[in-house]
N, C-alpha and C. Protein backbone atom coordinates (compact mmCIF):
# COMPACT_ATOMS: atom_id res chain seq x y z
N UNK A 1 103.83 223.75 80.70
CA UNK A 1 102.99 222.62 80.71
C UNK A 1 101.32 221.62 81.69
N UNK A 2 101.79 222.65 82.31
CA UNK A 2 100.06 222.71 83.64
C UNK A 2 98.90 222.92 81.96
N UNK A 3 99.09 223.69 81.90
CA UNK A 3 98.13 224.45 80.93
C UNK A 3 98.06 223.74 79.93
N UNK A 4 99.02 222.57 78.97
CA UNK A 4 98.85 222.33 77.65
C UNK A 4 97.56 220.65 78.58
N UNK A 5 97.94 220.46 79.81
CA UNK A 5 97.62 219.12 80.85
C UNK A 5 96.10 219.46 80.45
N UNK A 6 96.05 220.70 80.68
CA UNK A 6 94.48 220.18 81.51
C UNK A 6 93.91 220.22 80.46
N UNK A 7 94.38 221.06 78.60
CA UNK A 7 94.01 220.64 77.12
C UNK A 7 93.71 219.67 77.52
N UNK A 8 94.42 218.43 77.37
CA UNK A 8 94.80 217.54 76.71
C UNK A 8 93.66 217.07 78.08
N UNK A 9 92.66 217.09 78.64
CA UNK A 9 91.88 216.46 79.91
C UNK A 9 90.92 216.75 79.53
N UNK A 10 90.84 218.43 79.38
CA UNK A 10 89.20 219.12 78.53
C UNK A 10 89.10 218.28 77.33
N UNK A 11 90.27 218.00 75.90
CA UNK A 11 89.24 217.29 74.64
C UNK A 11 89.06 215.90 75.34
N UNK A 12 89.91 215.15 75.97
CA UNK A 12 89.47 214.19 76.44
C UNK A 12 88.51 213.63 77.06
N UNK A 13 87.51 214.77 77.73
CA UNK A 13 85.88 214.28 77.83
C UNK A 13 85.29 215.06 77.03
N UNK A 14 85.42 215.67 75.87
CA UNK A 14 84.85 215.81 75.07
C UNK A 14 85.00 215.06 73.74
N UNK A 15 86.10 213.88 73.88
CA UNK A 15 86.27 212.57 73.32
C UNK A 15 85.26 211.71 73.69
N UNK A 16 85.45 211.75 75.15
CA UNK A 16 84.15 210.60 75.62
C UNK A 16 83.15 211.11 75.38
N UNK A 17 82.36 212.31 75.36
CA UNK A 17 80.73 212.21 75.25
C UNK A 17 81.19 212.27 73.64
N UNK A 18 81.78 213.07 73.14
CA UNK A 18 81.44 212.40 70.92
C UNK A 18 80.74 211.13 71.42
N UNK A 19 81.47 210.11 71.93
CA UNK A 19 81.98 208.75 71.24
C UNK A 19 80.84 207.94 72.28
N UNK A 20 80.30 208.89 73.58
CA UNK A 20 79.33 208.14 74.02
C UNK A 20 77.56 208.53 73.83
N UNK A 21 77.94 208.58 71.93
CA UNK A 21 76.87 208.99 71.74
C UNK A 21 76.70 207.69 70.86
N UNK A 22 77.44 206.80 70.44
CA UNK A 22 76.80 205.25 69.47
C UNK A 22 76.63 204.68 70.20
N UNK A 23 75.69 203.92 69.60
CA UNK A 23 74.31 203.22 70.39
C UNK A 23 75.38 202.05 70.62
N UNK A 24 76.28 201.68 70.35
CA UNK A 24 76.77 200.33 70.41
C UNK A 24 78.50 200.74 71.75
N UNK A 25 78.20 201.61 71.40
CA UNK A 25 79.88 201.51 72.89
C UNK A 25 79.74 202.58 73.86
N UNK A 26 80.21 202.26 74.49
CA UNK A 26 80.03 203.14 75.96
C UNK A 26 81.82 203.47 76.44
N UNK A 27 81.79 204.56 77.18
CA UNK A 27 82.63 205.00 77.49
C UNK A 27 82.40 204.19 79.87
N UNK A 28 83.88 203.64 79.37
CA UNK A 28 83.37 202.75 81.15
C UNK A 28 84.05 203.20 82.15
N UNK A 29 84.94 205.16 81.80
CA UNK A 29 85.66 204.68 82.98
C UNK A 29 85.27 207.01 82.93
N UNK A 30 85.31 207.15 84.21
CA UNK A 30 84.99 208.49 84.49
C UNK A 30 86.64 209.51 84.05
N UNK A 31 85.78 209.89 82.90
CA UNK A 31 86.97 210.81 82.31
C UNK A 31 87.46 212.05 82.80
N UNK A 32 88.62 211.64 83.48
CA UNK A 32 89.57 212.82 85.31
C UNK A 32 91.17 213.57 84.53
N UNK A 33 91.41 212.85 83.30
CA UNK A 33 92.59 213.04 82.69
C UNK A 33 92.50 213.16 81.21
N UNK A 34 93.77 212.79 80.14
CA UNK A 34 93.79 211.97 78.91
C UNK A 34 93.11 211.04 78.30
N UNK A 35 92.70 210.10 79.03
CA UNK A 35 92.74 208.45 78.69
C UNK A 35 91.14 208.58 78.80
N UNK A 36 90.53 208.14 78.12
CA UNK A 36 88.84 207.66 77.92
C UNK A 36 89.05 206.12 77.47
N UNK A 37 88.70 205.41 77.68
CA UNK A 37 88.46 203.22 77.43
C UNK A 37 86.79 203.31 76.71
N UNK A 38 86.37 202.93 76.34
CA UNK A 38 85.35 202.19 75.52
C UNK A 38 84.79 200.64 76.47
N UNK A 39 84.23 200.66 76.14
CA UNK A 39 83.94 199.21 76.19
C UNK A 39 82.74 199.12 73.98
N UNK A 40 83.78 197.94 73.57
CA UNK A 40 83.02 197.86 72.90
C UNK A 40 82.05 196.64 72.46
N UNK A 41 81.63 196.23 73.58
CA UNK A 41 80.30 195.01 73.55
C UNK A 41 79.73 194.83 71.87
N UNK A 42 79.04 195.52 72.75
CA UNK A 42 77.21 195.83 71.37
C UNK A 42 77.80 196.42 70.03
N UNK A 43 79.00 195.94 70.06
CA UNK A 43 79.16 196.44 68.38
C UNK A 43 79.54 195.25 67.95
N UNK A 44 79.32 193.50 68.36
CA UNK A 44 80.04 192.41 67.94
C UNK A 44 81.20 192.00 67.38
N UNK A 45 82.00 193.32 67.52
CA UNK A 45 83.38 193.37 67.27
C UNK A 45 84.81 192.35 68.32
N UNK A 46 85.94 192.49 68.47
CA UNK A 46 87.14 192.32 69.38
C UNK A 46 87.11 193.48 68.99
N UNK A 47 88.96 193.44 69.90
CA UNK A 47 89.16 195.02 70.15
C UNK A 47 89.88 195.06 68.95
N UNK A 48 90.34 193.98 68.66
CA UNK A 48 91.56 194.12 67.29
C UNK A 48 91.06 194.19 66.31
N UNK A 49 90.10 194.11 65.55
CA UNK A 49 89.23 193.82 64.13
C UNK A 49 88.55 195.45 64.69
N UNK A 50 88.11 195.75 65.46
CA UNK A 50 87.76 197.80 65.96
C UNK A 50 89.06 198.56 65.61
N UNK A 51 89.99 197.99 66.43
CA UNK A 51 91.37 199.01 66.44
C UNK A 51 92.33 199.11 64.69
N UNK A 52 91.94 197.79 63.88
CA UNK A 52 91.68 197.78 62.25
C UNK A 52 91.13 199.35 62.05
N UNK A 53 89.98 198.54 62.04
CA UNK A 53 88.19 200.06 60.91
C UNK A 53 88.86 201.47 62.13
N UNK A 54 89.53 201.69 63.03
CA UNK A 54 89.94 202.61 63.44
C UNK A 54 91.54 203.66 62.72
N UNK A 55 91.75 202.56 62.37
CA UNK A 55 93.20 202.61 61.18
C UNK A 55 92.94 203.15 59.99
N UNK A 56 91.84 202.09 59.48
CA UNK A 56 91.60 202.35 58.16
C UNK A 56 90.84 204.23 58.17
N UNK A 57 90.64 204.73 59.29
CA UNK A 57 90.24 205.76 58.78
C UNK A 57 90.70 207.11 59.70
N UNK A 58 92.18 206.44 60.09
CA UNK A 58 93.12 207.73 60.21
C UNK A 58 93.42 207.67 62.06
N UNK A 59 93.33 206.85 62.49
CA UNK A 59 92.14 207.44 63.71
C UNK A 59 93.55 205.86 64.97
N UNK A 60 94.50 206.55 65.85
CA UNK A 60 94.92 205.22 66.38
C UNK A 60 94.54 205.18 67.75
N UNK A 61 94.72 203.85 68.29
CA UNK A 61 93.83 203.91 69.75
C UNK A 61 94.84 202.99 69.95
N UNK A 62 94.76 201.80 71.49
CA UNK A 62 95.40 200.57 71.51
C UNK A 62 94.15 199.79 72.10
N UNK A 63 94.41 197.97 71.81
CA UNK A 63 93.41 197.22 72.62
C UNK A 63 93.86 197.20 74.16
N UNK A 64 92.85 198.28 74.87
CA UNK A 64 93.24 197.36 76.41
C UNK A 64 91.96 196.01 76.92
N UNK A 65 92.00 195.12 75.79
CA UNK A 65 91.08 194.08 76.61
C UNK A 65 90.35 193.49 74.93
N UNK A 66 89.83 192.42 75.19
CA UNK A 66 89.57 191.98 73.94
C UNK A 66 88.13 192.88 73.75
N UNK A 67 87.20 193.30 74.70
CA UNK A 67 86.42 194.43 74.75
C UNK A 67 86.22 195.77 74.95
N UNK A 68 87.55 196.03 74.99
CA UNK A 68 87.46 197.87 75.82
C UNK A 68 89.06 198.46 74.60
N UNK A 69 88.84 199.40 74.54
CA UNK A 69 89.91 199.92 73.90
C UNK A 69 90.16 201.95 74.26
N UNK A 70 90.91 202.18 74.18
CA UNK A 70 92.31 202.69 75.45
C UNK A 70 92.31 204.09 73.78
N UNK A 71 91.88 204.96 74.22
CA UNK A 71 91.40 206.37 73.00
C UNK A 71 92.81 207.47 73.73
N UNK A 72 94.31 207.58 73.98
CA UNK A 72 94.86 209.10 74.65
C UNK A 72 94.99 210.52 73.91
N UNK A 73 94.62 211.42 74.94
CA UNK A 73 94.84 212.42 73.66
C UNK A 73 96.41 213.87 74.41
N UNK A 74 96.57 214.21 73.46
CA UNK A 74 97.91 215.03 73.67
C UNK A 74 98.17 216.04 73.32
N UNK A 75 99.39 216.75 73.28
CA UNK A 75 99.70 218.01 73.11
C UNK A 75 99.97 218.81 71.82
N UNK A 76 100.08 217.26 70.21
CA UNK A 76 99.10 217.11 69.21
C UNK A 76 98.22 217.37 68.39
N UNK A 77 97.40 217.22 69.60
CA UNK A 77 95.79 216.43 69.54
C UNK A 77 94.68 218.17 70.09
N UNK A 78 94.90 218.47 68.17
CA UNK A 78 93.29 219.91 69.09
C UNK A 78 92.61 219.23 69.09
N UNK A 79 91.25 219.89 69.38
CA UNK A 79 90.06 220.36 69.59
C UNK A 79 89.38 219.94 68.34
N UNK A 80 89.97 220.33 67.46
CA UNK A 80 89.13 220.05 66.23
C UNK A 80 89.70 218.51 65.55
N UNK A 81 90.41 217.80 65.99
CA UNK A 81 91.02 216.83 65.20
C UNK A 81 90.17 215.69 66.61
N UNK A 82 89.99 216.33 67.65
CA UNK A 82 88.81 215.70 68.33
C UNK A 82 87.16 215.01 67.61
N UNK A 83 87.19 216.24 67.34
CA UNK A 83 85.64 216.47 66.66
C UNK A 83 85.67 215.74 65.53
N UNK A 84 86.67 215.46 64.89
CA UNK A 84 86.52 215.24 64.07
C UNK A 84 86.53 213.55 63.86
N UNK A 85 87.68 212.95 64.84
CA UNK A 85 87.65 212.17 66.03
C UNK A 85 86.51 211.05 65.95
N UNK A 86 85.41 211.77 66.43
CA UNK A 86 84.15 210.89 67.35
C UNK A 86 83.75 211.46 66.02
N UNK A 87 83.42 211.88 65.45
CA UNK A 87 82.27 211.76 63.88
C UNK A 87 83.28 211.12 62.74
N UNK A 88 84.17 210.12 62.38
CA UNK A 88 84.60 208.92 62.58
C UNK A 88 84.39 208.49 62.86
N UNK A 89 84.12 208.34 64.01
CA UNK A 89 83.71 206.45 64.67
C UNK A 89 81.83 206.92 64.50
N UNK A 90 81.48 207.30 64.87
CA UNK A 90 80.33 207.81 64.82
C UNK A 90 79.61 206.32 63.60
N UNK A 91 80.41 207.25 62.21
CA UNK A 91 80.40 206.77 61.38
C UNK A 91 80.86 205.56 61.03
N UNK A 92 81.55 205.27 61.60
CA UNK A 92 82.32 203.72 61.48
C UNK A 92 81.17 203.20 60.81
N UNK A 93 81.54 202.14 59.85
CA UNK A 93 80.51 200.69 59.46
C UNK A 93 81.36 199.11 60.42
């Protein structure tokens, strides 16, 4: 299970690096676990609206404040899933 946690943590870093490329999203935590927090203030959207847009493209995340979103990687999320997630977020309208 420890090996699996290491994979989850690595996937979280990949997710954070990818999301940080979005011009209106900022990763706000130092990613050392399987949790990634993003600030969406520059998108002009509230967390609930951003979460809804994510759901529309098949991404699950949770609000962590009015302008903050929490993503969590876990055992059934592959590196390929992470790359797809980044691509979908970068292309959100």
